[in-house]
Amino acid sequence: MQIEGRVAVITGAGSGIGRALAHAFAAAGASVVAGDLNGVAATQTAESIGDRAVGVSADASSTGGIATLIDTARTQFGPVDIYVANAGIIGAPGLGTEATWDQVLDVNLRAHIRAADALVPEWLQRGGYFVSVASAAGLLTQVGAAGYAVTKHAAVGFAEWLSITYGDSGVGVTCVCPMGVDTPLLTDIRDATDPVTRLAADSVTTAGEVLTAEEVAAATLAGVRDERFLVLPHEAVLEMYRGKGADYDRWIAGMRRYQRALGR
């Protein structure tokens, strides 16, 4: 996949992994639409890149927000070649409520579905590339936050379906599944007053090395260039995933022990 000369939309680009991805794709020669709910942060990301980037205030979980991002790209640079569905939230601790489930489903899953729905018909005519920034939680699980665990599993599943269904028709897909990354999201849950939310943070920070957003962005860019489906910035996730598949009951028991140890 050639990045140079392409037009990329990146959601959640005001900070963290999204901001690092915006810089990485721009450095590789793409024109970038940096979208974020926080329009000031989106603009700051774009301004730090230069003329080949524009910041947009948009809700990437809504059809209207996605349309704004796509239309801005088309007006400023041309049709969207690469869409990076990066925006995400941890959601409520524990089981949550109907309202919090709707929110986490919208941001972590339906945003991907709605973006694909808007872009795939066009991409079937000329080609395109979808990047799903999911999480190792989508392959393993997330202690403490049911909504996050479930929606990240679903995001991985949707990316798989998208690749299987349209991969022979010019639509490329990469799914990125990091563990701990030093981002505002991790800081927020690590500093939370709710003990279940802090448990979720501890499960991330003690599972392995906490990478920088720039390291995740570099791994993502390499995966897109190679047209690899699964990108694992933390190499240990692969062995964990294999262990889960090899003996599911043993893995569940191990996760229960891990949760108990974190709770002490």
C-alpha atoms as a PDB file:
ATOM      1  CA  MET A   1       0.000   0.000   0.000  1.00  0.00           C
ATOM      2  CA  GLN A   2       1.498   3.311  -1.075  1.00  0.00           C
ATOM      3  CA  ILE A   3       0.931   6.057   1.482  1.00  0.00           C
ATOM      4  CA  GLU A   4       2.483   8.946  -0.422  1.00  0.00           C
ATOM      5  CA  GLY A   5      -0.090  11.023  -2.270  1.00  0.00           C
ATOM      6  CA  ARG A   6      -3.045   9.425  -0.472  1.00  0.00           C
ATOM      7  CA  VAL A   7      -5.777  11.180   1.473  1.00  0.00           C
ATOM      8  CA  ALA A   8      -6.258   9.887   5.004  1.00  0.00           C
ATOM      9  CA  VAL A   9      -8.958  10.602   7.577  1.00  0.00           C
ATOM     10  CA  ILE A  10      -7.963   9.882  11.179  1.00  0.00           C
ATOM     11  CA  THR A  11     -10.482  10.016  13.999  1.00  0.00           C
ATOM     12  CA  GLY A  12      -9.604  10.815  17.583  1.00  0.00           C
ATOM     13  CA  ALA A  13      -6.623  12.727  16.215  1.00  0.00           C
ATOM     14  CA  GLY A  14      -6.570  15.442  18.853  1.00  0.00           C
ATOM     15  CA  SER A  15      -4.343  13.443  21.190  1.00  0.00           C
ATOM     16  CA  GLY A  16      -2.775  10.072  21.914  1.00  0.00           C
ATOM     17  CA  ILE A  17      -2.569   7.415  19.236  1.00  0.00           C
ATOM     18  CA  GLY A  18      -4.695   9.452  16.823  1.00  0.00           C
ATOM     19  CA  ARG A  19      -2.365  12.427  16.966  1.00  0.00           C
ATOM     20  CA  ALA A  20       0.658  10.170  16.489  1.00  0.00           C
ATOM     21  CA  LEU A  21      -1.057   8.471  13.533  1.00  0.00           C
ATOM     22  CA  ALA A  22      -1.793  11.833  11.924  1.00  0.00           C
ATOM     23  CA  HIS A  23       1.883  12.746  12.136  1.00  0.00           C
ATOM     24  CA  ALA A  24       3.012   9.329  10.899  1.00  0.00           C
ATOM     25  CA  PHE A  25       0.749   9.303   7.842  1.00  0.00           C
ATOM     26  CA  ALA A  26       1.633  12.901   7.002  1.00  0.00           C
ATOM     27  CA  ALA A  27       5.361  12.136   7.318  1.00  0.00           C
ATOM     28  CA  ALA A  28       4.833   9.257   4.894  1.00  0.00           C
ATOM     29  CA  GLY A  29       3.386  11.664   2.319  1.00  0.00           C
ATOM     30  CA  ALA A  30      -0.367  11.527   2.923  1.00  0.00           C
ATOM     31  CA  SER A  31      -2.708  14.492   3.205  1.00  0.00           C
ATOM     32  CA  VAL A  32      -4.501  14.216   6.539  1.00  0.00           C
ATOM     33  CA  VAL A  33      -7.890  15.179   7.897  1.00  0.00           C
ATOM     34  CA  ALA A  34      -7.487  15.117  11.681  1.00  0.00           C
ATOM     35  CA  GLY A  35     -10.900  14.661  13.251  1.00  0.00           C
ATOM     36  CA  ASP A  36     -11.776  14.934  16.927  1.00  0.00           C
ATOM     37  CA  LEU A  37     -14.709  15.889  19.139  1.00  0.00           C
ATOM     38  CA  ASN A  38     -12.361  18.524  20.519  1.00  0.00           C
ATOM     39  CA  GLY A  39     -12.050  20.850  17.562  1.00  0.00           C
ATOM     40  CA  VAL A  40      -9.270  22.896  19.179  1.00  0.00           C
ATOM     41  CA  ALA A  41      -7.154  19.776  19.698  1.00  0.00           C
ATOM     42  CA  ALA A  42      -7.857  18.624  16.121  1.00  0.00           C
ATOM     43  CA  THR A  43      -6.735  22.000  14.789  1.00  0.00           C
ATOM     44  CA  GLN A  44      -3.597  21.912  16.926  1.00  0.00           C
ATOM     45  CA  THR A  45      -2.702  18.505  15.484  1.00  0.00           C
ATOM     46  CA  ALA A  46      -3.206  19.775  11.944  1.00  0.00           C
ATOM     47  CA  GLU A  47      -1.228  22.959  12.580  1.00  0.00           C
ATOM     48  CA  SER A  48       1.659  20.939  13.991  1.00  0.00           C
ATOM     49  CA  ILE A  49       1.776  19.013  10.700  1.00  0.00           C
ATOM     50  CA  GLY A  50       1.475  21.878   8.239  1.00  0.00           C
ATOM     51  CA  ASP A  51      -0.253  22.586   4.932  1.00  0.00           C
ATOM     52  CA  ARG A  52      -1.088  18.952   4.157  1.00  0.00           C
ATOM     53  CA  ALA A  53      -3.367  18.619   7.179  1.00  0.00           C
ATOM     54  CA  VAL A  54      -6.642  20.121   8.320  1.00  0.00           C
ATOM     55  CA  GLY A  55      -8.336  19.784  11.703  1.00  0.00           C
ATOM     56  CA  VAL A  56     -12.063  19.134  11.945  1.00  0.00           C
ATOM     57  CA  SER A  57     -14.445  19.115  14.888  1.00  0.00           C
ATOM     58  CA  ALA A  58     -16.612  16.045  14.305  1.00  0.00           C
ATOM     59  CA  ASP A  59     -18.288  13.203  16.172  1.00  0.00           C
ATOM     60  CA  ALA A  60     -16.830  10.145  14.445  1.00  0.00           C
ATOM     61  CA  SER A  61     -19.513   7.916  15.974  1.00  0.00           C
ATOM     62  CA  SER A  62     -22.328   9.643  14.079  1.00  0.00           C
ATOM     63  CA  THR A  63     -23.249   9.471  10.406  1.00  0.00           C
ATOM     64  CA  GLY A  64     -23.269  13.268  10.275  1.00  0.00           C
ATOM     65  CA  GLY A  65     -19.815  13.540  11.798  1.00  0.00           C
ATOM     66  CA  ILE A  66     -18.414  10.930   9.427  1.00  0.00           C
ATOM     67  CA  ALA A  67     -19.960  12.767   6.485  1.00  0.00           C
ATOM     68  CA  THR A  68     -18.287  15.977   7.677  1.00  0.00           C
ATOM     69  CA  LEU A  69     -14.895  14.273   7.767  1.00  0.00           C
ATOM     70  CA  ILE A  70     -15.319  12.729   4.314  1.00  0.00           C
ATOM     71  CA  ASP A  71     -16.657  15.937   2.766  1.00  0.00           C
ATOM     72  CA  THR A  72     -13.829  17.983   4.282  1.00  0.00           C
ATOM     73  CA  ALA A  73     -11.269  15.582   2.852  1.00  0.00           C
ATOM     74  CA  ARG A  74     -12.876  15.743  -0.577  1.00  0.00           C
ATOM     75  CA  THR A  75     -13.006  19.543  -0.538  1.00  0.00           C
ATOM     76  CA  GLN A  76      -9.488  20.086   0.790  1.00  0.00           C
ATOM     77  CA  PHE A  77      -7.507  17.234  -0.746  1.00  0.00           C
ATOM     78  CA  GLY A  78      -9.644  14.790  -2.727  1.00  0.00           C
ATOM     79  CA  PRO A  79     -11.544  11.530  -2.149  1.00  0.00           C
ATOM     80  CA  VAL A  80     -10.672   9.532   0.956  1.00  0.00           C
ATOM     81  CA  ASP A  81      -8.182   6.719   0.298  1.00  0.00           C
ATOM     82  CA  ILE A  82      -7.510   5.671   3.896  1.00  0.00           C
ATOM     83  CA  TYR A  83      -9.890   5.858   6.853  1.00  0.00           C
ATOM     84  CA  VAL A  84      -8.404   5.279  10.299  1.00  0.00           C
ATOM     85  CA  ALA A  85     -11.129   4.507  12.848  1.00  0.00           C
ATOM     86  CA  ASN A  86      -9.117   5.318  15.945  1.00  0.00           C
ATOM     87  CA  ALA A  87     -11.479   7.185  18.300  1.00  0.00           C
ATOM     88  CA  GLY A  88     -12.361   5.103  21.331  1.00  0.00           C
ATOM     89  CA  ILE A  89     -13.539   5.248  24.940  1.00  0.00           C
ATOM     90  CA  ILE A  90     -13.151   2.924  27.910  1.00  0.00           C
ATOM     91  CA  GLY A  91     -16.828   3.126  28.813  1.00  0.00           C
ATOM     92  CA  ALA A  92     -18.388   2.564  32.211  1.00  0.00           C
ATOM     93  CA  PRO A  93     -16.887   0.245  34.823  1.00  0.00           C
ATOM     94  CA  GLY A  94     -18.520  -3.106  35.468  1.00  0.00           C
ATOM     95  CA  LEU A  95     -21.730  -3.967  33.657  1.00  0.00           C
ATOM     96  CA  GLY A  96     -22.713  -0.354  32.993  1.00  0.00           C
ATOM     97  CA  THR A  97     -26.193   0.836  32.073  1.00  0.00           C
ATOM     98  CA  GLU A  98     -28.280   0.921  28.905  1.00  0.00           C
ATOM     99  CA  ALA A  99     -27.118   4.484  28.281  1.00  0.00           C
ATOM    100  CA  THR A 100     -23.423   3.746  28.793  1.00  0.00           C
ATOM    101  CA  TRP A 101     -23.666   0.657  26.586  1.00  0.00           C
ATOM    102  CA  ASP A 102     -25.168   2.769  23.804  1.00  0.00           C
ATOM    103  CA  GLN A 103     -22.311   5.249  24.129  1.00  0.00           C
ATOM    104  CA  VAL A 104     -19.489   2.714  24.073  1.00  0.00           C
ATOM    105  CA  LEU A 105     -21.117   0.763  21.240  1.00  0.00           C
ATOM    106  CA  ASP A 106     -21.475   3.953  19.193  1.00  0.00           C
ATOM    107  CA  VAL A 107     -17.874   5.079  19.640  1.00  0.00           C
ATOM    108  CA  ASN A 108     -16.007   1.761  19.612  1.00  0.00           C
ATOM    109  CA  LEU A 109     -18.065  -0.211  17.093  1.00  0.00           C
ATOM    110  CA  ARG A 110     -20.837   1.581  15.223  1.00  0.00           C
ATOM    111  CA  ALA A 111     -18.394   4.339  14.249  1.00  0.00           C
ATOM    112  CA  HIS A 112     -16.471   1.718  12.265  1.00  0.00           C
ATOM    113  CA  ILE A 113     -19.605   0.278  10.683  1.00  0.00           C
ATOM    114  CA  ARG A 114     -20.963   3.702   9.740  1.00  0.00           C
ATOM    115  CA  ALA A 115     -17.651   4.794   8.214  1.00  0.00           C
ATOM    116  CA  ALA A 116     -17.400   1.609   6.167  1.00  0.00           C
ATOM    117  CA  ASP A 117     -20.995   2.009   5.044  1.00  0.00           C
ATOM    118  CA  ALA A 118     -20.183   5.504   3.784  1.00  0.00           C
ATOM    119  CA  LEU A 119     -16.926   4.589   2.036  1.00  0.00           C
ATOM    120  CA  VAL A 120     -17.033   0.987   0.806  1.00  0.00           C
ATOM    121  CA  PRO A 121     -19.406   1.614  -2.155  1.00  0.00           C
ATOM    122  CA  GLU A 122     -16.978   4.231  -3.468  1.00  0.00           C
ATOM    123  CA  TRP A 123     -13.936   2.086  -2.688  1.00  0.00           C
ATOM    124  CA  LEU A 124     -15.348  -0.836  -4.648  1.00  0.00           C
ATOM    125  CA  GLN A 125     -14.987   1.384  -7.706  1.00  0.00           C
ATOM    126  CA  ARG A 126     -11.486   2.731  -7.088  1.00  0.00           C
ATOM    127  CA  GLY A 127      -9.989   0.969  -4.040  1.00  0.00           C
ATOM    128  CA  GLY A 128      -9.497   2.112  -0.473  1.00  0.00           C
ATOM    129  CA  TYR A 129      -8.093   1.147   2.906  1.00  0.00           C
ATOM    130  CA  PHE A 130      -9.763   0.822   6.326  1.00  0.00           C
ATOM    131  CA  VAL A 131      -7.718   0.843   9.532  1.00  0.00           C
ATOM    132  CA  SER A 132      -9.462  -0.315  12.700  1.00  0.00           C
ATOM    133  CA  VAL A 133      -7.631   0.689  15.863  1.00  0.00           C
ATOM    134  CA  ALA A 134      -9.062  -1.898  18.233  1.00  0.00           C
ATOM    135  CA  SER A 135      -7.153  -3.256  21.229  1.00  0.00           C
ATOM    136  CA  ALA A 136      -5.531  -6.372  22.612  1.00  0.00           C
ATOM    137  CA  ALA A 137      -8.758  -6.479  24.621  1.00  0.00           C
ATOM    138  CA  GLY A 138     -10.446  -7.477  21.370  1.00  0.00           C
ATOM    139  CA  LEU A 139      -8.331 -10.633  21.220  1.00  0.00           C
ATOM    140  CA  LEU A 140      -8.008 -11.262  24.964  1.00  0.00           C
ATOM    141  CA  THR A 141     -10.330  -9.267  27.250  1.00  0.00           C
ATOM    142  CA  GLN A 142     -10.450  -6.251  29.556  1.00  0.00           C
ATOM    143  CA  VAL A 143     -10.669  -6.677  33.309  1.00  0.00           C
ATOM    144  CA  GLY A 144     -13.145  -4.284  34.918  1.00  0.00           C
ATOM    145  CA  ALA A 145     -14.957  -2.830  31.905  1.00  0.00           C
ATOM    146  CA  ALA A 146     -17.462  -5.082  30.152  1.00  0.00           C
ATOM    147  CA  GLY A 147     -18.354  -2.504  27.498  1.00  0.00           C
ATOM    148  CA  TYR A 148     -14.752  -2.014  26.446  1.00  0.00           C
ATOM    149  CA  ALA A 149     -14.034  -5.748  26.288  1.00  0.00           C
ATOM    150  CA  VAL A 150     -17.148  -6.517  24.265  1.00  0.00           C
ATOM    151  CA  THR A 151     -16.924  -3.612  21.821  1.00  0.00           C
ATOM    152  CA  LYS A 152     -13.246  -4.226  21.110  1.00  0.00           C
ATOM    153  CA  HIS A 153     -14.014  -7.894  20.385  1.00  0.00           C
ATOM    154  CA  ALA A 154     -16.754  -6.670  18.069  1.00  0.00           C
ATOM    155  CA  ALA A 155     -14.427  -4.186  16.354  1.00  0.00           C
ATOM    156  CA  VAL A 156     -11.980  -6.993  15.589  1.00  0.00           C
ATOM    157  CA  GLY A 157     -14.837  -9.136  14.318  1.00  0.00           C
ATOM    158  CA  PHE A 158     -16.109  -6.363  12.064  1.00  0.00           C
ATOM    159  CA  ALA A 159     -12.634  -5.754  10.643  1.00  0.00           C
ATOM    160  CA  GLU A 160     -12.312  -9.481   9.903  1.00  0.00           C
ATOM    161  CA  TRP A 161     -15.678  -9.496   8.137  1.00  0.00           C
ATOM    162  CA  LEU A 162     -14.790  -6.398   6.141  1.00  0.00           C
ATOM    163  CA  SER A 163     -11.520  -7.931   4.961  1.00  0.00           C
ATOM    164  CA  ILE A 164     -13.073 -11.286   4.083  1.00  0.00           C
ATOM    165  CA  THR A 165     -16.018  -9.734   2.281  1.00  0.00           C
ATOM    166  CA  TYR A 166     -14.247  -7.009   0.287  1.00  0.00           C
ATOM    167  CA  GLY A 167     -10.576  -7.966   0.319  1.00  0.00           C
ATOM    168  CA  ASP A 168     -10.792  -9.382  -3.208  1.00  0.00           C
ATOM    169  CA  SER A 169     -12.540  -6.225  -4.402  1.00  0.00           C
ATOM    170  CA  GLY A 170      -9.882  -3.626  -3.707  1.00  0.00           C
ATOM    171  CA  VAL A 171     -10.639  -2.817  -0.064  1.00  0.00           C
ATOM    172  CA  GLY A 172      -7.699  -3.313   2.280  1.00  0.00           C
ATOM    173  CA  VAL A 173      -8.110  -3.716   6.043  1.00  0.00           C
ATOM    174  CA  THR A 174      -5.673  -3.514   8.940  1.00  0.00           C
ATOM    175  CA  CYS A 175      -6.700  -4.140  12.547  1.00  0.00           C
ATOM    176  CA  VAL A 176      -4.415  -2.764  15.272  1.00  0.00           C
ATOM    177  CA  CYS A 177      -4.490  -4.413  18.710  1.00  0.00           C
ATOM    178  CA  PRO A 178      -2.109  -2.819  21.231  1.00  0.00           C
ATOM    179  CA  MET A 179      -2.056  -3.382  24.995  1.00  0.00           C
ATOM    180  CA  GLY A 180      -0.936  -0.520  27.219  1.00  0.00           C
ATOM    181  CA  VAL A 181      -0.213   2.783  25.465  1.00  0.00           C
ATOM    182  CA  ASP A 182       0.752   6.028  27.179  1.00  0.00           C
ATOM    183  CA  THR A 183      -2.267   8.134  26.211  1.00  0.00           C
ATOM    184  CA  PRO A 184      -4.730  10.473  27.954  1.00  0.00           C
ATOM    185  CA  LEU A 185      -7.237   7.593  28.045  1.00  0.00           C
ATOM    186  CA  LEU A 186      -4.866   5.453  30.124  1.00  0.00           C
ATOM    187  CA  THR A 187      -4.033   8.413  32.371  1.00  0.00           C
ATOM    188  CA  ASP A 188      -7.722   9.095  32.965  1.00  0.00           C
ATOM    189  CA  ILE A 189      -8.558   5.571  34.084  1.00  0.00           C
ATOM    190  CA  ARG A 190      -5.353   5.252  36.102  1.00  0.00           C
ATOM    191  CA  ASP A 191      -6.291   8.419  38.043  1.00  0.00           C
ATOM    192  CA  ALA A 192      -9.969   7.509  38.440  1.00  0.00           C
ATOM    193  CA  THR A 193     -11.588   7.413  41.863  1.00  0.00           C
ATOM    194  CA  ASP A 194     -13.699   4.360  40.978  1.00  0.00           C
ATOM    195  CA  PRO A 195     -11.872   1.187  42.135  1.00  0.00           C
ATOM    196  CA  VAL A 196     -13.143  -0.943  39.237  1.00  0.00           C
ATOM    197  CA  THR A 197     -11.859   1.605  36.728  1.00  0.00           C
ATOM    198  CA  ARG A 198      -8.464   1.654  38.476  1.00  0.00           C
ATOM    199  CA  LEU A 199      -8.468  -2.148  38.364  1.00  0.00           C
ATOM    200  CA  ALA A 200      -8.900  -1.928  34.591  1.00  0.00           C
ATOM    201  CA  ALA A 201      -5.947   0.458  34.401  1.00  0.00           C
ATOM    202  CA  ASP A 202      -3.780  -1.797  36.579  1.00  0.00           C
ATOM    203  CA  SER A 203      -4.581  -4.783  34.376  1.00  0.00           C
ATOM    204  CA  VAL A 204      -3.223  -2.842  31.401  1.00  0.00           C
ATOM    205  CA  THR A 205      -0.094  -1.395  32.984  1.00  0.00           C
ATOM    206  CA  THR A 206       1.013  -4.639  34.653  1.00  0.00           C
ATOM    207  CA  ALA A 207       0.379  -6.925  31.666  1.00  0.00           C
ATOM    208  CA  GLY A 208       3.416  -5.701  29.741  1.00  0.00           C
ATOM    209  CA  GLU A 209       5.375  -2.685  28.568  1.00  0.00           C
ATOM    210  CA  VAL A 210       3.446   0.542  28.132  1.00  0.00           C
ATOM    211  CA  LEU A 211       4.348   1.806  24.660  1.00  0.00           C
ATOM    212  CA  THR A 212       4.344   5.362  23.369  1.00  0.00           C
ATOM    213  CA  ALA A 213       1.675   6.457  20.922  1.00  0.00           C
ATOM    214  CA  GLU A 214       4.439   7.024  18.377  1.00  0.00           C
ATOM    215  CA  GLU A 215       5.523   3.385  18.612  1.00  0.00           C
ATOM    216  CA  VAL A 216       1.967   2.228  17.930  1.00  0.00           C
ATOM    217  CA  ALA A 217       1.658   4.653  15.013  1.00  0.00           C
ATOM    218  CA  ALA A 218       4.899   3.378  13.470  1.00  0.00           C
ATOM    219  CA  ALA A 219       3.731  -0.233  13.768  1.00  0.00           C
ATOM    220  CA  THR A 220       0.386   0.712  12.220  1.00  0.00           C
ATOM    221  CA  LEU A 221       1.985   2.488   9.288  1.00  0.00           C
ATOM    222  CA  ALA A 222       4.236  -0.515   8.631  1.00  0.00           C
ATOM    223  CA  GLY A 223       1.225  -2.829   8.722  1.00  0.00           C
ATOM    224  CA  VAL A 224      -0.705  -0.714   6.237  1.00  0.00           C
ATOM    225  CA  ARG A 225       2.286  -0.526   3.884  1.00  0.00           C
ATOM    226  CA  ASP A 226       2.612  -4.325   4.011  1.00  0.00           C
ATOM    227  CA  GLU A 227      -1.187  -4.741   3.787  1.00  0.00           C
ATOM    228  CA  ARG A 228      -1.155  -6.939   6.898  1.00  0.00           C
ATOM    229  CA  PHE A 229      -4.474  -7.549   8.595  1.00  0.00           C
ATOM    230  CA  LEU A 230      -3.329  -7.894  12.210  1.00  0.00           C
ATOM    231  CA  VAL A 231      -0.864  -5.456  13.768  1.00  0.00           C
ATOM    232  CA  LEU A 232       0.342  -6.305  17.278  1.00  0.00           C
ATOM    233  CA  PRO A 233       2.581  -3.528  18.644  1.00  0.00           C
ATOM    234  CA  HIS A 234       3.099  -5.692  21.748  1.00  0.00           C
ATOM    235  CA  GLU A 235       4.597  -8.943  20.500  1.00  0.00           C
ATOM    236  CA  ALA A 236       3.597 -10.770  23.694  1.00  0.00           C
ATOM    237  CA  VAL A 237      -0.081 -10.495  22.723  1.00  0.00           C
ATOM    238  CA  LEU A 238       0.375 -13.173  20.064  1.00  0.00           C
ATOM    239  CA  GLU A 239       1.550 -15.749  22.605  1.00  0.00           C
ATOM    240  CA  MET A 240      -1.250 -14.771  24.977  1.00  0.00           C
ATOM    241  CA  TYR A 241      -3.779 -15.168  22.178  1.00  0.00           C
ATOM    242  CA  ARG A 242      -2.370 -18.560  21.214  1.00  0.00           C
ATOM    243  CA  GLY A 243      -2.547 -19.663  24.827  1.00  0.00           C
ATOM    244  CA  LYS A 244      -6.152 -18.573  25.051  1.00  0.00           C
ATOM    245  CA  GLY A 245      -7.100 -20.581  21.964  1.00  0.00           C
ATOM    246  CA  ALA A 246      -5.124 -23.636  23.025  1.00  0.00           C
ATOM    247  CA  ASP A 247      -6.929 -24.057  26.355  1.00  0.00           C
ATOM    248  CA  TYR A 248      -9.817 -21.671  26.926  1.00  0.00           C
ATOM    249  CA  ASP A 249     -10.720 -22.943  30.410  1.00  0.00           C
ATOM    250  CA  ARG A 250      -7.131 -22.654  31.584  1.00  0.00           C
ATOM    251  CA  TRP A 251      -6.985 -19.122  30.203  1.00  0.00           C
ATOM    252  CA  ILE A 252     -10.231 -18.110  31.978  1.00  0.00           C
ATOM    253  CA  ALA A 253      -8.904 -19.529  35.238  1.00  0.00           C
ATOM    254  CA  GLY A 254      -5.656 -17.632  34.767  1.00  0.00           C
ATOM    255  CA  MET A 255      -7.527 -14.378  34.159  1.00  0.00           C
ATOM    256  CA  ARG A 256      -9.533 -14.935  37.339  1.00  0.00           C
ATOM    257  CA  ARG A 257      -6.288 -15.384  39.282  1.00  0.00           C
ATOM    258  CA  TYR A 258      -4.865 -12.263  37.663  1.00  0.00           C
ATOM    259  CA  GLN A 259      -7.958 -10.263  38.610  1.00  0.00           C
ATOM    260  CA  ARG A 260      -7.766 -11.485  42.203  1.00  0.00           C
ATOM    261  CA  ALA A 261      -4.089 -10.561  42.399  1.00  0.00           C
ATOM    262  CA  LEU A 262      -4.800  -7.064  41.094  1.00  0.00           C
ATOM    263  CA  GLY A 263      -7.604  -6.612  43.605  1.00  0.00           C
ATOM    264  CA  ARG A 264      -5.369  -7.198  46.616  1.00  0.00           C
END
